[in-house]
Amino acid sequence: MRVRFGDFVFDSGRRELRAGSGIAHLTPKAFLLLQALIEARPQAVSKEYLYGHLWPGTFVSDSNLNTIVSVLRIVLGEDARHPRWIKTVYGFGYAFNAEGV
């Protein structure tokens, strides 16, 4: 799957996120999170699904997902108060903002 959004190109086959002419370096978990959100767009993805997808069969604290989302937002150049791509769906999970994609 290849998706262009803004200055980014997400390519799941090559397992990379291009930012302009370079590559944006993502941790494996951040890559999986972005992939799950892009695949589900424009639908929101529950935190429960994301925990099971990113950490199958493992218990992790709530802060782990928040940390991965924060890392992803930094790479994408956004913040939680004014998200362009990763939208928080309060009390549920996250969604990829598919407008313009």
PDB file of N, CA and C in Angstrom:
ATOM      1  N   MET A   1       0.846  -1.166   0.000  1.00  0.00           N
ATOM      2  CA  MET A   1       0.000   0.000   0.000  1.00  0.00           C
ATOM      3  C   MET A   1       0.902   1.242   0.000  1.00  0.00           C
ATOM      4  N   ARG A   2       0.558   2.161  -0.861  1.00  0.00           N
ATOM      5  CA  ARG A   2       1.314   3.410  -0.952  1.00  0.00           C
ATOM      6  C   ARG A   2       0.332   4.570  -0.837  1.00  0.00           C
ATOM      7  N   VAL A   3       0.568   5.459   0.129  1.00  0.00           N
ATOM      8  CA  VAL A   3      -0.337   6.579   0.384  1.00  0.00           C
ATOM      9  C   VAL A   3       0.485   7.858   0.512  1.00  0.00           C
ATOM     10  N   ARG A   4       0.067   8.865  -0.224  1.00  0.00           N
ATOM     11  CA  ARG A   4       0.702  10.186  -0.138  1.00  0.00           C
ATOM     12  C   ARG A   4      -0.182  11.091   0.702  1.00  0.00           C
ATOM     13  N   PHE A   5       0.427  11.804   1.650  1.00  0.00           N
ATOM     14  CA  PHE A   5      -0.286  12.802   2.435  1.00  0.00           C
ATOM     15  C   PHE A   5       0.695  13.918   2.767  1.00  0.00           C
ATOM     16  N   GLY A   6       0.315  15.123   2.401  1.00  0.00           N
ATOM     17  CA  GLY A   6       1.217  16.256   2.587  1.00  0.00           C
ATOM     18  C   GLY A   6       2.532  16.009   1.880  1.00  0.00           C
ATOM     19  N   ASP A   7       3.637  16.199   2.590  1.00  0.00           N
ATOM     20  CA  ASP A   7       4.977  15.955   2.048  1.00  0.00           C
ATOM     21  C   ASP A   7       5.442  14.528   2.283  1.00  0.00           C
ATOM     22  N   PHE A   8       4.558  13.665   2.758  1.00  0.00           N
ATOM     23  CA  PHE A   8       4.925  12.304   3.123  1.00  0.00           C
ATOM     24  C   PHE A   8       4.397  11.287   2.115  1.00  0.00           C
ATOM     25  N   VAL A   9       5.133  10.180   1.991  1.00  0.00           N
ATOM     26  CA  VAL A   9       4.661   9.024   1.229  1.00  0.00           C
ATOM     27  C   VAL A   9       4.893   7.804   2.114  1.00  0.00           C
ATOM     28  N   PHE A  10       3.793   7.154   2.499  1.00  0.00           N
ATOM     29  CA  PHE A  10       3.860   5.933   3.288  1.00  0.00           C
ATOM     30  C   PHE A  10       3.845   4.757   2.321  1.00  0.00           C
ATOM     31  N   ASP A  11       4.814   3.866   2.449  1.00  0.00           N
ATOM     32  CA  ASP A  11       4.909   2.698   1.567  1.00  0.00           C
ATOM     33  C   ASP A  11       5.070   1.463   2.445  1.00  0.00           C
ATOM     34  N   SER A  12       3.969   0.702   2.586  1.00  0.00           N
ATOM     35  CA  SER A  12       4.011  -0.463   3.470  1.00  0.00           C
ATOM     36  C   SER A  12       4.869  -1.580   2.883  1.00  0.00           C
ATOM     37  N   GLY A  13       4.904  -1.705   1.567  1.00  0.00           N
ATOM     38  CA  GLY A  13       5.716  -2.747   0.935  1.00  0.00           C
ATOM     39  C   GLY A  13       7.204  -2.548   1.167  1.00  0.00           C
ATOM     40  N   ARG A  14       7.635  -1.310   1.138  1.00  0.00           N
ATOM     41  CA  ARG A  14       9.050  -0.999   1.380  1.00  0.00           C
ATOM     42  C   ARG A  14       9.326  -0.732   2.861  1.00  0.00           C
ATOM     43  N   ARG A  15       8.237  -0.676   3.647  1.00  0.00           N
ATOM     44  CA  ARG A  15       8.318  -0.391   5.087  1.00  0.00           C
ATOM     45  C   ARG A  15       9.058   0.907   5.347  1.00  0.00           C
ATOM     46  N   GLU A  16       8.593   1.954   4.647  1.00  0.00           N
ATOM     47  CA  GLU A  16       9.232   3.248   4.859  1.00  0.00           C
ATOM     48  C   GLU A  16       8.228   4.390   4.751  1.00  0.00           C
ATOM     49  N   LEU A  17       8.608   5.470   5.376  1.00  0.00           N
ATOM     50  CA  LEU A  17       7.870   6.718   5.297  1.00  0.00           C
ATOM     51  C   LEU A  17       8.830   7.750   4.734  1.00  0.00           C
ATOM     52  N   ARG A  18       8.534   8.231   3.542  1.00  0.00           N
ATOM     53  CA  ARG A  18       9.360   9.256   2.915  1.00  0.00           C
ATOM     54  C   ARG A  18       8.841  10.622   3.325  1.00  0.00           C
ATOM     55  N   ALA A  19       9.764  11.504   3.606  1.00  0.00           N
ATOM     56  CA  ALA A  19       9.443  12.882   3.963  1.00  0.00           C
ATOM     57  C   ALA A  19      10.214  13.770   3.001  1.00  0.00           C
ATOM     58  N   GLY A  20       9.520  14.304   2.001  1.00  0.00           N
ATOM     59  CA  GLY A  20      10.208  15.070   0.971  1.00  0.00           C
ATOM     60  C   GLY A  20      11.117  14.146   0.190  1.00  0.00           C
ATOM     61  N   SER A  21      12.393  14.496   0.125  1.00  0.00           N
ATOM     62  CA  SER A  21      13.344  13.662  -0.616  1.00  0.00           C
ATOM     63  C   SER A  21      14.075  12.670   0.279  1.00  0.00           C
ATOM     64  N   GLY A  22      13.801  12.699   1.580  1.00  0.00           N
ATOM     65  CA  GLY A  22      14.477  11.790   2.512  1.00  0.00           C
ATOM     66  C   GLY A  22      13.525  10.785   3.115  1.00  0.00           C
ATOM     67  N   ILE A  23      14.068  10.013   4.038  1.00  0.00           N
ATOM     68  CA  ILE A  23      13.267   9.009   4.733  1.00  0.00           C
ATOM     69  C   ILE A  23      13.100   9.443   6.188  1.00  0.00           C
ATOM     70  N   ALA A  24      11.848   9.412   6.651  1.00  0.00           N
ATOM     71  CA  ALA A  24      11.554   9.692   8.057  1.00  0.00           C
ATOM     72  C   ALA A  24      11.726   8.382   8.814  1.00  0.00           C
ATOM     73  N   HIS A  25      12.558   8.394   9.808  1.00  0.00           N
ATOM     74  CA  HIS A  25      12.848   7.173  10.547  1.00  0.00           C
ATOM     75  C   HIS A  25      11.800   6.946  11.632  1.00  0.00           C
ATOM     76  N   LEU A  26      11.135   5.805  11.545  1.00  0.00           N
ATOM     77  CA  LEU A  26      10.122   5.407  12.515  1.00  0.00           C
ATOM     78  C   LEU A  26      10.567   4.142  13.227  1.00  0.00           C
ATOM     79  N   THR A  27      10.215   4.040  14.489  1.00  0.00           N
ATOM     80  CA  THR A  27      10.434   2.791  15.198  1.00  0.00           C
ATOM     81  C   THR A  27       9.475   1.755  14.610  1.00  0.00           C
ATOM     82  N   PRO A  28       9.751   0.472  14.781  1.00  0.00           N
ATOM     83  CA  PRO A  28       8.824  -0.546  14.262  1.00  0.00           C
ATOM     84  C   PRO A  28       7.394  -0.386  14.783  1.00  0.00           C
ATOM     85  N   LYS A  29       7.235  -0.048  16.051  1.00  0.00           N
ATOM     86  CA  LYS A  29       5.886   0.129  16.618  1.00  0.00           C
ATOM     87  C   LYS A  29       5.202   1.358  16.014  1.00  0.00           C
ATOM     88  N   ALA A  30       5.936   2.448  15.828  1.00  0.00           N
ATOM     89  CA  ALA A  30       5.350   3.647  15.232  1.00  0.00           C
ATOM     90  C   ALA A  30       4.938   3.369  13.790  1.00  0.00           C
ATOM     91  N   PHE A  31       5.724   2.573  13.077  1.00  0.00           N
ATOM     92  CA  PHE A  31       5.369   2.210  11.709  1.00  0.00           C
ATOM     93  C   PHE A  31       4.085   1.388  11.696  1.00  0.00           C
ATOM     94  N   LEU A  32       3.973   0.401  12.582  1.00  0.00           N
ATOM     95  CA  LEU A  32       2.765  -0.428  12.665  1.00  0.00           C
ATOM     96  C   LEU A  32       1.535   0.396  13.043  1.00  0.00           C
ATOM     97  N   LEU A  33       1.730   1.352  13.945  1.00  0.00           N
ATOM     98  CA  LEU A  33       0.623   2.226  14.337  1.00  0.00           C
ATOM     99  C   LEU A  33       0.152   3.048  13.146  1.00  0.00           C
ATOM    100  N   LEU A  34       1.081   3.677  12.445  1.00  0.00           N
ATOM    101  CA  LEU A  34       0.710   4.480  11.284  1.00  0.00           C
ATOM    102  C   LEU A  34       0.033   3.622  10.224  1.00  0.00           C
ATOM    103  N   GLN A  35       0.543   2.438   9.998  1.00  0.00           N
ATOM    104  CA  GLN A  35      -0.053   1.536   9.014  1.00  0.00           C
ATOM    105  C   GLN A  35      -1.491   1.179   9.402  1.00  0.00           C
ATOM    106  N   ALA A  36      -1.711   0.847  10.666  1.00  0.00           N
ATOM    107  CA  ALA A  36      -3.062   0.484  11.127  1.00  0.00           C
ATOM    108  C   ALA A  36      -4.026   1.653  10.953  1.00  0.00           C
ATOM    109  N   LEU A  37      -3.576   2.862  11.265  1.00  0.00           N
ATOM    110  CA  LEU A  37      -4.445   4.025  11.145  1.00  0.00           C
ATOM    111  C   LEU A  37      -4.744   4.364   9.686  1.00  0.00           C
ATOM    112  N   ILE A  38      -3.733   4.259   8.833  1.00  0.00           N
ATOM    113  CA  ILE A  38      -3.937   4.539   7.408  1.00  0.00           C
ATOM    114  C   ILE A  38      -4.865   3.503   6.792  1.00  0.00           C
ATOM    115  N   GLU A  39      -4.675   2.230   7.128  1.00  0.00           N
ATOM    116  CA  GLU A  39      -5.526   1.174   6.576  1.00  0.00           C
ATOM    117  C   GLU A  39      -6.992   1.353   6.985  1.00  0.00           C
ATOM    118  N   ALA A  40      -7.231   1.864   8.171  1.00  0.00           N
ATOM    119  CA  ALA A  40      -8.600   2.018   8.680  1.00  0.00           C
ATOM    120  C   ALA A  40      -9.249   3.338   8.258  1.00  0.00           C
ATOM    121  N   ARG A  41      -8.479   4.246   7.692  1.00  0.00           N
ATOM    122  CA  ARG A  41      -9.009   5.588   7.392  1.00  0.00           C
ATOM    123  C   ARG A  41     -10.280   5.525   6.576  1.00  0.00           C
ATOM    124  N   PRO A  42     -11.231   6.351   6.824  1.00  0.00           N
ATOM    125  CA  PRO A  42     -11.272   7.433   7.814  1.00  0.00           C
ATOM    126  C   PRO A  42     -11.830   6.996   9.168  1.00  0.00           C
ATOM    127  N   GLN A  43     -12.015   5.692   9.346  1.00  0.00           N
ATOM    128  CA  GLN A  43     -12.573   5.171  10.594  1.00  0.00           C
ATOM    129  C   GLN A  43     -11.578   5.321  11.748  1.00  0.00           C
ATOM    130  N   ALA A  44     -12.101   5.509  12.938  1.00  0.00           N
ATOM    131  CA  ALA A  44     -11.277   5.543  14.139  1.00  0.00           C
ATOM    132  C   ALA A  44     -10.922   4.110  14.543  1.00  0.00           C
ATOM    133  N   VAL A  45      -9.767   3.956  15.148  1.00  0.00           N
ATOM    134  CA  VAL A  45      -9.290   2.648  15.612  1.00  0.00           C
ATOM    135  C   VAL A  45      -9.238   2.687  17.137  1.00  0.00           C
ATOM    136  N   SER A  46      -9.807   1.680  17.768  1.00  0.00           N
ATOM    137  CA  SER A  46      -9.867   1.666  19.229  1.00  0.00           C
ATOM    138  C   SER A  46      -8.491   1.408  19.843  1.00  0.00           C
ATOM    139  N   LYS A  47      -8.324   1.919  21.036  1.00  0.00           N
ATOM    140  CA  LYS A  47      -7.082   1.661  21.773  1.00  0.00           C
ATOM    141  C   LYS A  47      -6.919   0.165  22.021  1.00  0.00           C
ATOM    142  N   GLU A  48      -8.006  -0.519  22.295  1.00  0.00           N
ATOM    143  CA  GLU A  48      -7.935  -1.958  22.551  1.00  0.00           C
ATOM    144  C   GLU A  48      -7.380  -2.690  21.332  1.00  0.00           C
ATOM    145  N   TYR A  49      -7.865  -2.341  20.160  1.00  0.00           N
ATOM    146  CA  TYR A  49      -7.339  -2.968  18.937  1.00  0.00           C
ATOM    147  C   TYR A  49      -5.854  -2.658  18.782  1.00  0.00           C
ATOM    148  N   LEU A  50      -5.485  -1.409  18.992  1.00  0.00           N
ATOM    149  CA  LEU A  50      -4.078  -1.015  18.812  1.00  0.00           C
ATOM    150  C   LEU A  50      -3.160  -1.733  19.794  1.00  0.00           C
ATOM    151  N   TYR A  51      -3.600  -1.885  21.047  1.00  0.00           N
ATOM    152  CA  TYR A  51      -2.786  -2.639  22.013  1.00  0.00           C
ATOM    153  C   TYR A  51      -2.582  -4.073  21.536  1.00  0.00           C
ATOM    154  N   GLY A  52      -3.649  -4.714  21.084  1.00  0.00           N
ATOM    155  CA  GLY A  52      -3.542  -6.086  20.597  1.00  0.00           C
ATOM    156  C   GLY A  52      -2.707  -6.206  19.336  1.00  0.00           C
ATOM    157  N   HIS A  53      -2.748  -5.182  18.498  1.00  0.00           N
ATOM    158  CA  HIS A  53      -1.999  -5.180  17.236  1.00  0.00           C
ATOM    159  C   HIS A  53      -0.507  -4.903  17.462  1.00  0.00           C
ATOM    160  N   LEU A  54      -0.216  -3.963  18.348  1.00  0.00           N
ATOM    161  CA  LEU A  54       1.178  -3.568  18.583  1.00  0.00           C
ATOM    162  C   LEU A  54       1.890  -4.455  19.597  1.00  0.00           C
ATOM    163  N   TRP A  55       1.150  -4.959  20.567  1.00  0.00           N
ATOM    164  CA  TRP A  55       1.732  -5.799  21.616  1.00  0.00           C
ATOM    165  C   TRP A  55       0.879  -7.054  21.797  1.00  0.00           C
ATOM    166  N   PRO A  56       0.819  -7.933  20.813  1.00  0.00           N
ATOM    167  CA  PRO A  56      -0.055  -9.107  20.917  1.00  0.00           C
ATOM    168  C   PRO A  56       0.329 -10.014  22.089  1.00  0.00           C
ATOM    169  N   GLY A  57      -0.678 -10.370  22.871  1.00  0.00           N
ATOM    170  CA  GLY A  57      -0.462 -11.295  23.980  1.00  0.00           C
ATOM    171  C   GLY A  57       0.368 -10.753  25.126  1.00  0.00           C
ATOM    172  N   THR A  58       0.554  -9.442  25.159  1.00  0.00           N
ATOM    173  CA  THR A  58       1.397  -8.823  26.178  1.00  0.00           C
ATOM    174  C   THR A  58       0.620  -7.717  26.871  1.00  0.00           C
ATOM    175  N   PHE A  59       0.781  -7.607  28.184  1.00  0.00           N
ATOM    176  CA  PHE A  59       0.173  -6.495  28.906  1.00  0.00           C
ATOM    177  C   PHE A  59       1.164  -5.351  28.944  1.00  0.00           C
ATOM    178  N   VAL A  60       0.730  -4.187  28.525  1.00  0.00           N
ATOM    179  CA  VAL A  60       1.556  -2.979  28.621  1.00  0.00           C
ATOM    180  C   VAL A  60       0.707  -1.880  29.235  1.00  0.00           C
ATOM    181  N   SER A  61       1.350  -0.892  29.806  1.00  0.00           N
ATOM    182  CA  SER A  61       0.606   0.209  30.424  1.00  0.00           C
ATOM    183  C   SER A  61       0.057   1.145  29.350  1.00  0.00           C
ATOM    184  N   ASP A  62      -0.931   1.933  29.754  1.00  0.00           N
ATOM    185  CA  ASP A  62      -1.557   2.878  28.836  1.00  0.00           C
ATOM    186  C   ASP A  62      -0.552   3.876  28.268  1.00  0.00           C
ATOM    187  N   SER A  63       0.474   4.172  29.024  1.00  0.00           N
ATOM    188  CA  SER A  63       1.440   5.169  28.572  1.00  0.00           C
ATOM    189  C   SER A  63       2.236   4.698  27.347  1.00  0.00           C
ATOM    190  N   ASN A  64       2.342   3.394  27.133  1.00  0.00           N
ATOM    191  CA  ASN A  64       3.107   2.894  25.979  1.00  0.00           C
ATOM    192  C   ASN A  64       2.502   3.374  24.662  1.00  0.00           C
ATOM    193  N   LEU A  65       1.188   3.267  24.520  1.00  0.00           N
ATOM    194  CA  LEU A  65       0.539   3.713  23.290  1.00  0.00           C
ATOM    195  C   LEU A  65       0.663   5.224  23.150  1.00  0.00           C
ATOM    196  N   ASN A  66       0.470   5.937  24.242  1.00  0.00           N
ATOM    197  CA  ASN A  66       0.609   7.393  24.206  1.00  0.00           C
ATOM    198  C   ASN A  66       2.009   7.806  23.753  1.00  0.00           C
ATOM    199  N   THR A  67       3.004   7.075  24.191  1.00  0.00           N
ATOM    200  CA  THR A  67       4.380   7.374  23.802  1.00  0.00           C
ATOM    201  C   THR A  67       4.587   7.151  22.313  1.00  0.00           C
ATOM    202  N   ILE A  68       4.061   6.051  21.785  1.00  0.00           N
ATOM    203  CA  ILE A  68       4.206   5.753  20.355  1.00  0.00           C
ATOM    204  C   ILE A  68       3.489   6.822  19.526  1.00  0.00           C
ATOM    205  N   VAL A  69       2.305   7.236  19.960  1.00  0.00           N
ATOM    206  CA  VAL A  69       1.571   8.291  19.254  1.00  0.00           C
ATOM    207  C   VAL A  69       2.377   9.588  19.281  1.00  0.00           C
ATOM    208  N   SER A  70       2.972   9.913  20.418  1.00  0.00           N
ATOM    209  CA  SER A  70       3.783  11.129  20.529  1.00  0.00           C
ATOM    210  C   SER A  70       4.981  11.087  19.595  1.00  0.00           C
ATOM    211  N   VAL A  71       5.654   9.947  19.530  1.00  0.00           N
ATOM    212  CA  VAL A  71       6.802   9.783  18.627  1.00  0.00           C
ATOM    213  C   VAL A  71       6.352   9.970  17.182  1.00  0.00           C
ATOM    214  N   LEU A  72       5.244   9.369  16.829  1.00  0.00           N
ATOM    215  CA  LEU A  72       4.729   9.478  15.464  1.00  0.00           C
ATOM    216  C   LEU A  72       4.377  10.926  15.135  1.00  0.00           C
ATOM    217  N   ARG A  73       3.760  11.621  16.072  1.00  0.00           N
ATOM    218  CA  ARG A  73       3.412  13.026  15.843  1.00  0.00           C
ATOM    219  C   ARG A  73       4.653  13.894  15.665  1.00  0.00           C
ATOM    220  N   ILE A  74       5.692  13.614  16.406  1.00  0.00           N
ATOM    221  CA  ILE A  74       6.941  14.366  16.252  1.00  0.00           C
ATOM    222  C   ILE A  74       7.505  14.165  14.845  1.00  0.00           C
ATOM    223  N   VAL A  75       7.544  12.932  14.397  1.00  0.00           N
ATOM    224  CA  VAL A  75       8.058  12.631  13.054  1.00  0.00           C
ATOM    225  C   VAL A  75       7.218  13.335  11.990  1.00  0.00           C
ATOM    226  N   LEU A  76       5.905  13.395  12.199  1.00  0.00           N
ATOM    227  CA  LEU A  76       5.012  14.023  11.231  1.00  0.00           C
ATOM    228  C   LEU A  76       4.937  15.543  11.392  1.00  0.00           C
ATOM    229  N   GLY A  77       5.611  16.069  12.407  1.00  0.00           N
ATOM    230  CA  GLY A  77       5.672  17.515  12.607  1.00  0.00           C
ATOM    231  C   GLY A  77       4.380  18.133  13.108  1.00  0.00           C
ATOM    232  N   GLU A  78       3.689  17.431  13.976  1.00  0.00           N
ATOM    233  CA  GLU A  78       2.445  17.969  14.513  1.00  0.00           C
ATOM    234  C   GLU A  78       2.404  17.809  16.018  1.00  0.00           C
ATOM    235  N   ASP A  79       1.411  18.475  16.636  1.00  0.00           N
ATOM    236  CA  ASP A  79       1.212  18.288  18.067  1.00  0.00           C
ATOM    237  C   ASP A  79      -0.235  17.906  18.331  1.00  0.00           C
ATOM    238  N   ALA A  80      -0.480  17.424  19.523  1.00  0.00           N
ATOM    239  CA  ALA A  80      -1.798  16.903  19.872  1.00  0.00           C
ATOM    240  C   ALA A  80      -2.879  17.981  19.848  1.00  0.00           C
ATOM    241  N   ARG A  81      -2.508  19.232  20.121  1.00  0.00           N
ATOM    242  CA  ARG A  81      -3.506  20.296  20.151  1.00  0.00           C
ATOM    243  C   ARG A  81      -3.974  20.710  18.765  1.00  0.00           C
ATOM    244  N   HIS A  82      -3.096  20.562  17.781  1.00  0.00           N
ATOM    245  CA  HIS A  82      -3.428  20.939  16.409  1.00  0.00           C
ATOM    246  C   HIS A  82      -3.008  19.821  15.457  1.00  0.00           C
ATOM    247  N   PRO A  83      -3.625  18.646  15.595  1.00  0.00           N
ATOM    248  CA  PRO A  83      -3.196  17.520  14.763  1.00  0.00           C
ATOM    249  C   PRO A  83      -3.624  17.699  13.306  1.00  0.00           C
ATOM    250  N   ARG A  84      -2.715  17.384  12.435  1.00  0.00           N
ATOM    251  CA  ARG A  84      -3.035  17.411  11.013  1.00  0.00           C
ATOM    252  C   ARG A  84      -3.362  16.013  10.514  1.00  0.00           C
ATOM    253  N   TRP A  85      -2.641  15.017  11.015  1.00  0.00           N
ATOM    254  CA  TRP A  85      -2.788  13.656  10.497  1.00  0.00           C
ATOM    255  C   TRP A  85      -3.317  12.663  11.516  1.00  0.00           C
ATOM    256  N   ILE A  86      -2.845  12.723  12.748  1.00  0.00           N
ATOM    257  CA  ILE A  86      -3.242  11.750  13.769  1.00  0.00           C
ATOM    258  C   ILE A  86      -4.221  12.421  14.731  1.00  0.00           C
ATOM    259  N   LYS A  87      -5.468  12.040  14.620  1.00  0.00           N
ATOM    260  CA  LYS A  87      -6.537  12.648  15.419  1.00  0.00           C
ATOM    261  C   LYS A  87      -6.845  11.770  16.628  1.00  0.00           C
ATOM    262  N   THR A  88      -6.904  12.380  17.788  1.00  0.00           N
ATOM    263  CA  THR A  88      -7.319  11.664  18.991  1.00  0.00           C
ATOM    264  C   THR A  88      -8.839  11.630  19.036  1.00  0.00           C
ATOM    265  N   VAL A  89      -9.383  10.439  19.212  1.00  0.00           N
ATOM    266  CA  VAL A  89     -10.825  10.274  19.385  1.00  0.00           C
ATOM    267  C   VAL A  89     -11.002   9.983  20.875  1.00  0.00           C
ATOM    268  N   TYR A  90     -11.295  11.020  21.634  1.00  0.00           N
ATOM    269  CA  TYR A  90     -11.299  10.930  23.085  1.00  0.00           C
ATOM    270  C   TYR A  90     -12.222   9.833  23.595  1.00  0.00           C
ATOM    271  N   GLY A  91     -11.686   9.059  24.531  1.00  0.00           N
ATOM    272  CA  GLY A  91     -12.430   7.964  25.127  1.00  0.00           C
ATOM    273  C   GLY A  91     -12.508   6.726  24.250  1.00  0.00           C
ATOM    274  N   PHE A  92     -11.843   6.740  23.075  1.00  0.00           N
ATOM    275  CA  PHE A  92     -11.920   5.598  22.169  1.00  0.00           C
ATOM    276  C   PHE A  92     -10.560   5.193  21.610  1.00  0.00           C
ATOM    277  N   GLY A  93      -9.918   6.086  20.893  1.00  0.00           N
ATOM    278  CA  GLY A  93      -8.651   5.723  20.250  1.00  0.00           C
ATOM    279  C   GLY A  93      -8.133   6.817  19.353  1.00  0.00           C
ATOM    280  N   TYR A  94      -7.750   6.445  18.132  1.00  0.00           N
ATOM    281  CA  TYR A  94      -7.132   7.389  17.201  1.00  0.00           C
ATOM    282  C   TYR A  94      -7.639   7.144  15.797  1.00  0.00           C
ATOM    283  N   ALA A  95      -7.510   8.179  14.959  1.00  0.00           N
ATOM    284  CA  ALA A  95      -7.900   8.066  13.558  1.00  0.00           C
ATOM    285  C   ALA A  95      -6.885   8.808  12.702  1.00  0.00           C
ATOM    286  N   PHE A  96      -6.701   8.327  11.493  1.00  0.00           N
ATOM    287  CA  PHE A  96      -5.879   9.046  10.523  1.00  0.00           C
ATOM    288  C   PHE A  96      -6.775  10.029   9.808  1.00  0.00           C
ATOM    289  N   ASN A  97      -6.389  11.292   9.799  1.00  0.00           N
ATOM    290  CA  ASN A  97      -7.177  12.316   9.141  1.00  0.00           C
ATOM    291  C   ASN A  97      -6.997  12.173   7.642  1.00  0.00           C
ATOM    292  N   ALA A  98      -7.982  11.594   6.997  1.00  0.00           N
ATOM    293  CA  ALA A  98      -7.882  11.237   5.582  1.00  0.00           C
ATOM    294  C   ALA A  98      -8.271  12.368   4.643  1.00  0.00           C
ATOM    295  N   GLU A  99      -8.666  13.519   5.155  1.00  0.00           N
ATOM    296  CA  GLU A  99      -9.043  14.614   4.266  1.00  0.00           C
ATOM    297  C   GLU A  99      -7.852  15.014   3.420  1.00  0.00           C
ATOM    298  N   GLY A 100      -8.062  15.088   2.135  1.00  0.00           N
ATOM    299  CA  GLY A 100      -6.998  15.487   1.235  1.00  0.00           C
ATOM    300  C   GLY A 100      -6.071  14.358   0.831  1.00  0.00           C
ATOM    301  N   VAL A 101      -6.355  13.138   1.282  1.00  0.00           N
ATOM    302  CA  VAL A 101      -5.494  12.006   0.929  1.00  0.00           C
ATOM    303  C   VAL A 101      -6.106  11.261  -0.235  1.00  0.00           C
TER     304      VAL A 101
END
